[in-house]
Amino acid sequence: MRVLGLETSCDETGAAVYDSERGLLGHRLYSQAALHREFGGVVPELAARDHIRKLLPLVQAVMRDTDTDAGDVGGVAYTAGPGLVGALLVGASFGRSLAWSWDVPALGVHHMEGHLLAPMLESEPPSFPFVALLVSGGHTLLVDVEGLGRYRVLGESRDDAVGEAFDKVAKLLGLGYPGGPAVARAAESGDPNRFRFPRPMTDRPGLDFSFSGLKTFARNTVLAHPRDPQTVADVACAFQDAAVDTLVIKCRRALRQTGRARLVVAGGVGANVVLRRRLSEAVQALNARTYYPRPEWCTDNAAMIAYLGCRRLLTGAREPPAISVRARWALTELNAADP
């Protein structure tokens, strides 16, 4: 089966074609980062309007790239949530319209499930079961994954997601948007010994996260010192170290509690080089293995949506004709699709 995948959950517009026998045939992605940068974050109305402008040209381009005609497409998958409702509706409306005109099934898929399965696009994908760390601007989750659609949330953030905390600290330091890469770049020239930030919720049992207090600690540190370039770099370094250490401690704890031998790391923050290095070292010490999607699959993209849609469409998953999206959608609400 050949599936066209569409991604419009937030501020990236994506289109991809995945073939069940040949794998990923091609993908296109347009980032709205420049559009939202002057506002310091995503403006939902602007995001939705830009998806309207960019989605059709991207679909046409990826179908040319992959030598795919309408008659070759066996299904259309689109992100149905979670995300910004206006942005989601663009992809859902467009995807359902294409599927209706081509007389093929359409399927709305879960954005975070797409991230969770993004490593499956690699040449050496992980096998089930595994523990997954999903870290993005809107989510911080530890999930025990037994199979497609069989998920148990082990821990989640009680307040800010880690990616959101990176964005807010970047804004506090005047580093711009998006915050994750900006903080990581600034931290490279920081003195790791000047400031010591707390590792929140690591001194107690459990796998939940909290990054709001860490963000406040960064703010108080900035207010207590002159804002020169070295202080900005030192604060960025201390914040990144604390956030990464917190994630590493919780992942190590999750692997021990579940007895799993594989850890999957996905989502935009999963592209952080320091996080990848420290997680790999910690997991290797437990005689386990870490799997990462390549950086281009960490951020929002349509390749993971096309792959996930293909997997679920092949199991017979279908939806009624009504167009439906969900701003909030728990992973645990998904149906199992593996035998």
Protein backbone atom coordinates (compact mmCIF):
# COMPACT_ATOMS: atom_id res chain seq x y z
CA MET A 1 0.00 0.00 0.00
CA ARG A 2 1.18 3.51 -0.85
CA VAL A 3 0.09 6.19 1.62
CA LEU A 4 0.19 9.97 1.40
CA GLY A 5 0.89 11.50 4.82
CA LEU A 6 0.08 15.08 5.88
CA GLU A 7 1.39 16.96 8.92
CA THR A 8 -0.14 20.28 10.06
CA SER A 9 -0.33 20.00 13.84
CA CYS A 10 1.56 23.18 14.71
CA ASP A 11 4.15 25.23 12.82
CA GLU A 12 5.53 22.77 10.25
CA THR A 13 3.74 21.82 7.06
CA GLY A 14 4.69 18.39 5.75
CA ALA A 15 3.81 15.89 3.05
CA ALA A 16 5.31 12.43 2.49
CA VAL A 17 4.72 9.22 0.57
CA TYR A 18 5.34 5.85 2.23
CA ASP A 19 5.12 2.48 0.52
CA SER A 20 4.55 -0.67 2.59
CA GLU A 21 7.02 -2.64 0.45
CA ARG A 22 9.60 0.00 -0.53
CA GLY A 23 9.57 2.19 2.59
CA LEU A 24 9.69 5.96 2.58
CA LEU A 25 9.73 7.22 -0.98
CA GLY A 26 9.97 10.94 -0.33
CA HIS A 27 9.01 13.79 1.95
CA ARG A 28 8.76 17.59 1.92
CA LEU A 29 8.71 19.95 4.89
CA TYR A 30 8.18 23.67 5.31
CA SER A 31 8.97 25.35 8.64
CA GLN A 32 7.11 28.43 9.84
CA ALA A 33 9.84 29.33 12.37
CA ALA A 34 10.72 32.59 10.60
CA LEU A 35 7.03 33.59 10.52
CA HIS A 36 6.59 33.19 14.29
CA ARG A 37 10.04 34.32 15.43
CA GLU A 38 9.10 37.99 15.83
CA PHE A 39 6.31 36.96 18.23
CA GLY A 40 8.53 34.68 20.34
CA GLY A 41 6.25 31.68 19.80
CA VAL A 42 3.60 30.16 17.58
CA VAL A 43 0.57 32.32 16.69
CA PRO A 44 -2.23 29.77 16.00
CA GLU A 45 -4.15 31.85 13.45
CA LEU A 46 -1.03 32.62 11.45
CA ALA A 47 -0.02 28.96 11.57
CA ALA A 48 -3.35 27.79 10.16
CA ARG A 49 -3.29 30.34 7.35
CA ASP A 50 0.23 29.40 6.37
CA HIS A 51 -0.70 25.71 6.24
CA ILE A 52 -3.45 26.61 3.77
CA ARG A 53 -0.92 28.34 1.53
CA LYS A 54 1.78 25.68 1.67
CA LEU A 55 0.07 22.27 1.89
CA LEU A 56 -1.12 21.84 -1.72
CA PRO A 57 2.22 22.85 -3.29
CA LEU A 58 4.04 20.47 -0.94
CA VAL A 59 1.74 17.57 -1.84
CA GLN A 60 2.19 18.25 -5.55
CA ALA A 61 5.96 18.41 -5.09
CA VAL A 62 6.28 15.18 -3.11
CA MET A 63 4.09 13.32 -5.59
CA ARG A 64 6.35 14.52 -8.41
CA ASP A 65 9.44 13.58 -6.40
CA THR A 66 8.18 10.03 -5.89
CA ASP A 67 6.61 9.57 -9.33
CA THR A 68 3.27 8.97 -7.62
CA ASP A 69 -0.04 9.47 -9.43
CA ALA A 70 -3.45 9.66 -7.78
CA GLY A 71 -4.15 6.09 -8.89
CA ASP A 72 -1.07 4.85 -7.00
CA VAL A 73 -2.28 6.12 -3.63
CA GLY A 74 -4.05 3.54 -1.50
CA GLY A 75 -4.79 5.78 1.47
CA VAL A 76 -4.33 9.21 3.00
CA ALA A 77 -3.13 9.73 6.58
CA TYR A 78 -3.20 13.08 8.35
CA THR A 79 -2.46 14.33 11.85
CA ALA A 80 -5.77 14.56 13.73
CA GLY A 81 -4.29 15.58 17.10
CA PRO A 82 -3.05 16.62 19.49
CA GLY A 83 -2.19 20.09 18.29
CA LEU A 84 -3.63 23.47 17.35
CA VAL A 85 -7.22 23.00 16.25
CA GLY A 86 -7.07 25.46 13.35
CA ALA A 87 -3.86 23.93 12.03
CA LEU A 88 -5.18 20.38 12.43
CA LEU A 89 -8.35 21.23 10.53
CA VAL A 90 -6.35 22.32 7.49
CA GLY A 91 -4.68 18.93 7.14
CA ALA A 92 -7.80 16.98 8.07
CA SER A 93 -10.03 18.82 5.58
CA PHE A 94 -7.47 18.57 2.81
CA GLY A 95 -6.70 14.92 3.50
CA ARG A 96 -10.34 13.86 3.66
CA SER A 97 -11.11 15.75 0.45
CA LEU A 98 -8.25 14.07 -1.40
CA ALA A 99 -9.25 10.65 -0.13
CA TRP A 100 -12.88 11.21 -1.17
CA SER A 101 -11.91 12.38 -4.67
CA TRP A 102 -9.48 9.47 -5.10
CA ASP A 103 -11.93 6.96 -3.58
CA VAL A 104 -9.41 5.67 -1.02
CA PRO A 105 -9.63 5.41 2.79
CA ALA A 106 -8.48 8.27 4.99
CA LEU A 107 -7.22 8.02 8.54
CA GLY A 108 -6.52 10.63 11.19
CA VAL A 109 -3.54 9.57 13.28
CA HIS A 110 -2.06 10.58 16.64
CA HIS A 111 0.82 13.04 16.37
CA MET A 112 2.72 11.69 19.39
CA GLU A 113 2.27 8.10 18.24
CA GLY A 114 3.94 9.23 15.03
CA HIS A 115 6.90 10.57 17.00
CA LEU A 116 7.03 7.40 19.06
CA LEU A 117 7.34 5.27 15.91
CA ALA A 118 9.68 7.63 14.00
CA PRO A 119 12.73 5.38 14.71
CA MET A 120 10.95 2.68 12.68
CA LEU A 121 11.91 4.69 9.59
CA GLU A 122 15.59 3.91 10.20
CA SER A 123 17.52 0.98 8.72
CA GLU A 124 17.83 -0.65 12.17
CA PRO A 125 14.49 -0.03 13.87
CA PRO A 126 13.79 -1.11 17.46
CA SER A 127 11.60 -4.11 18.11
CA PHE A 128 8.77 -4.20 20.62
CA PRO A 129 8.65 -3.94 23.60
CA PHE A 130 10.55 -0.81 24.66
CA VAL A 131 10.40 2.29 26.84
CA ALA A 132 9.91 5.56 24.94
CA LEU A 133 10.86 9.07 26.03
CA LEU A 134 8.72 11.58 24.10
CA VAL A 135 10.08 15.09 24.54
CA SER A 136 8.80 18.07 22.59
CA GLY A 137 7.50 21.60 22.99
CA GLY A 138 4.16 20.34 24.24
CA HIS A 139 4.88 16.93 25.76
CA THR A 140 7.21 15.16 28.15
CA LEU A 141 6.23 11.51 28.50
CA LEU A 142 7.75 8.20 29.50
CA VAL A 143 5.77 5.39 27.89
CA ASP A 144 6.00 1.61 28.15
CA VAL A 145 5.36 0.33 24.62
CA GLU A 146 4.29 -3.29 24.18
CA GLY A 147 3.14 -2.95 20.56
CA LEU A 148 1.37 -0.67 18.12
CA GLY A 149 -1.40 1.00 20.10
CA ARG A 150 -0.48 -0.76 23.35
CA TYR A 151 0.87 2.03 25.52
CA ARG A 152 1.15 2.60 29.26
CA VAL A 153 2.17 6.05 30.43
CA LEU A 154 4.81 5.71 33.14
CA GLY A 155 5.37 9.40 33.81
CA GLU A 156 4.58 12.84 32.42
CA SER A 157 5.17 16.51 33.18
CA ARG A 158 2.96 18.04 35.83
CA ASP A 159 3.43 21.52 34.36
CA ASP A 160 5.69 22.77 31.53
CA ALA A 161 6.93 20.30 28.95
CA VAL A 162 10.72 20.26 28.67
CA GLY A 163 10.61 21.82 25.19
CA GLU A 164 8.35 24.57 26.50
CA ALA A 165 10.83 25.23 29.30
CA PHE A 166 13.66 25.52 26.76
CA ASP A 167 11.59 28.04 24.77
CA LYS A 168 10.82 30.14 27.86
CA VAL A 169 14.43 30.17 29.07
CA ALA A 170 15.59 31.14 25.57
CA LYS A 171 13.15 34.05 25.60
CA LEU A 172 14.32 35.03 29.08
CA LEU A 173 17.94 35.09 27.86
CA GLY A 174 17.09 36.93 24.64
CA LEU A 175 18.18 34.00 22.48
CA GLY A 176 15.19 33.94 20.14
CA TYR A 177 12.85 31.25 18.84
CA PRO A 178 12.85 28.25 18.59
CA GLY A 179 14.38 27.97 22.03
CA GLY A 180 15.84 24.45 22.11
CA PRO A 181 18.54 24.93 19.46
CA ALA A 182 19.23 28.49 20.68
CA VAL A 183 19.88 27.38 24.27
CA ALA A 184 22.03 24.48 23.08
CA ARG A 185 24.19 26.81 20.97
CA ALA A 186 24.63 29.29 23.82
CA ALA A 187 25.47 26.48 26.27
CA GLU A 188 28.45 25.41 24.16
CA SER A 189 30.45 28.42 25.43
CA GLY A 190 29.10 28.28 28.98
CA ASP A 191 31.07 27.49 32.13
CA PRO A 192 29.54 24.29 33.55
CA ASN A 193 30.91 25.02 37.03
CA ARG A 194 29.58 28.54 37.57
CA PHE A 195 25.94 27.73 38.32
CA ARG A 196 24.27 24.61 39.69
CA PHE A 197 20.56 24.28 38.94
CA PRO A 198 18.24 21.78 40.70
CA ARG A 199 17.22 18.46 39.16
CA PRO A 200 13.48 18.64 39.87
CA MET A 201 11.60 15.63 41.27
CA THR A 202 14.62 13.33 41.12
CA ASP A 203 14.94 13.08 44.91
CA ARG A 204 11.64 11.22 45.26
CA PRO A 205 10.14 8.02 43.81
CA GLY A 206 8.17 8.07 40.59
CA LEU A 207 8.63 9.00 36.95
CA ASP A 208 6.73 12.29 36.66
CA PHE A 209 8.48 15.50 35.64
CA SER A 210 8.27 19.17 36.57
CA PHE A 211 10.16 21.89 34.71
CA SER A 212 8.31 25.01 35.85
CA GLY A 213 10.50 25.44 38.93
CA LEU A 214 13.66 24.97 36.88
CA LYS A 215 12.52 27.76 34.58
CA THR A 216 11.90 30.00 37.63
CA PHE A 217 15.35 29.16 39.02
CA ALA A 218 16.85 30.28 35.71
CA ARG A 219 14.89 33.54 35.87
CA ASN A 220 16.03 34.27 39.42
CA THR A 221 19.63 33.55 38.46
CA VAL A 222 19.44 35.97 35.54
CA LEU A 223 17.94 38.70 37.77
CA ALA A 224 20.74 38.27 40.30
CA HIS A 225 23.60 38.75 37.82
CA PRO A 226 24.53 41.24 35.09
CA ARG A 227 23.25 40.05 31.72
CA ASP A 228 26.52 39.92 29.83
CA PRO A 229 27.19 37.35 27.07
CA GLN A 230 29.13 35.04 29.37
CA THR A 231 26.37 34.99 31.99
CA VAL A 232 23.82 34.18 29.28
CA ALA A 233 25.99 31.28 28.14
CA ASP A 234 26.58 30.08 31.70
CA VAL A 235 22.84 30.13 32.53
CA ALA A 236 22.04 28.30 29.29
CA CYS A 237 24.66 25.68 30.14
CA ALA A 238 23.38 25.20 33.70
CA PHE A 239 19.76 24.96 32.55
CA GLN A 240 20.53 22.46 29.80
CA ASP A 241 22.63 20.33 32.18
CA ALA A 242 19.80 20.24 34.73
CA ALA A 243 17.11 19.43 32.18
CA VAL A 244 19.21 16.72 30.54
CA ASP A 245 20.25 15.16 33.86
CA THR A 246 16.61 15.07 34.96
CA LEU A 247 15.57 13.24 31.79
CA VAL A 248 18.49 10.80 32.07
CA ILE A 249 17.74 9.98 35.72
CA LYS A 250 14.07 9.30 34.95
CA CYS A 251 14.86 7.18 31.87
CA ARG A 252 17.33 5.08 33.82
CA ARG A 253 14.72 4.61 36.53
CA ALA A 254 12.05 3.63 33.97
CA LEU A 255 14.26 0.98 32.38
CA ARG A 256 15.02 -0.53 35.78
CA GLN A 257 11.37 -0.56 36.81
CA THR A 258 10.11 -2.15 33.59
CA GLY A 259 13.06 -4.42 32.89
CA ARG A 260 13.10 -3.29 29.25
CA ALA A 261 16.34 -3.47 27.27
CA ARG A 262 15.51 -0.78 24.71
CA LEU A 263 14.90 2.96 25.02
CA VAL A 264 13.42 5.01 22.17
CA VAL A 265 13.91 8.79 22.27
CA ALA A 266 11.66 10.90 20.06
CA GLY A 267 10.35 14.44 19.68
CA GLY A 268 12.07 17.74 18.99
CA VAL A 269 14.15 17.80 22.19
CA GLY A 270 15.42 14.35 21.21
CA ALA A 271 17.69 16.09 18.69
CA ASN A 272 19.68 17.70 21.53
CA VAL A 273 23.27 16.43 21.21
CA VAL A 274 24.03 16.56 24.94
CA LEU A 275 20.87 14.60 25.76
CA ARG A 276 21.75 11.93 23.19
CA ARG A 277 25.28 11.52 24.48
CA ARG A 278 24.37 11.28 28.17
CA LEU A 279 21.41 9.00 27.56
CA SER A 280 23.49 6.64 25.45
CA GLU A 281 26.14 6.44 28.17
CA ALA A 282 23.58 5.86 30.94
CA VAL A 283 21.61 3.26 29.02
CA GLN A 284 24.72 1.39 27.92
CA ALA A 285 25.72 1.07 31.57
CA LEU A 286 22.44 -0.83 32.09
CA ASN A 287 23.27 -3.22 29.22
CA ALA A 288 20.43 -1.70 27.23
CA ARG A 289 20.30 0.07 23.87
CA THR A 290 19.08 3.51 22.84
CA TYR A 291 17.34 4.24 19.55
CA TYR A 292 17.01 7.72 18.04
CA PRO A 293 15.41 8.87 14.83
CA ARG A 294 17.69 11.04 12.73
CA PRO A 295 17.34 14.76 13.62
CA GLU A 296 14.98 15.49 10.71
CA TRP A 297 12.53 12.91 12.13
CA CYS A 298 12.73 14.42 15.64
CA THR A 299 10.89 17.59 14.72
CA ASP A 300 7.38 17.49 13.27
CA ASN A 301 7.33 15.81 9.86
CA ALA A 302 5.02 13.94 7.52
CA ALA A 303 7.25 10.89 7.07
CA MET A 304 6.27 9.52 10.48
CA ILE A 305 2.60 10.28 9.75
CA ALA A 306 2.70 8.42 6.43
CA TYR A 307 4.44 5.45 8.08
CA LEU A 308 2.01 5.29 10.99
CA GLY A 309 -0.97 5.73 8.68
CA CYS A 310 0.24 2.88 6.50
CA ARG A 311 0.69 0.58 9.49
CA ARG A 312 -2.80 1.28 10.77
CA LEU A 313 -4.54 1.26 7.40
CA LEU A 314 -3.07 -2.17 6.70
CA THR A 315 -4.78 -3.46 9.85
CA GLY A 316 -8.14 -2.27 8.50
CA ALA A 317 -8.40 0.96 10.49
CA ARG A 318 -10.94 3.32 8.95
CA GLU A 319 -12.93 6.40 9.99
CA PRO A 320 -16.42 7.69 9.25
CA PRO A 321 -16.65 10.55 6.71
CA ALA A 322 -17.00 13.29 9.34
CA ILE A 323 -13.94 15.53 9.73
CA SER A 324 -12.79 15.38 13.33
CA VAL A 325 -9.66 16.67 15.11
CA ARG A 326 -8.62 16.73 18.77
CA ALA A 327 -6.53 19.41 20.46
CA ARG A 328 -5.96 16.99 23.36
CA TRP A 329 -5.66 13.26 22.86
CA ALA A 330 -4.11 10.80 25.29
CA LEU A 331 -1.94 8.00 23.89
CA THR A 332 -3.75 5.55 26.14
CA GLU A 333 -7.00 6.19 24.24
CA LEU A 334 -5.62 4.58 21.07
CA ASN A 335 -6.68 1.14 19.93
CA ALA A 336 -4.16 -1.67 19.69
CA ALA A 337 -3.34 -2.59 16.09
CA ASP A 338 -0.84 -5.44 16.48
CA PRO A 339 -2.00 -9.06 16.67
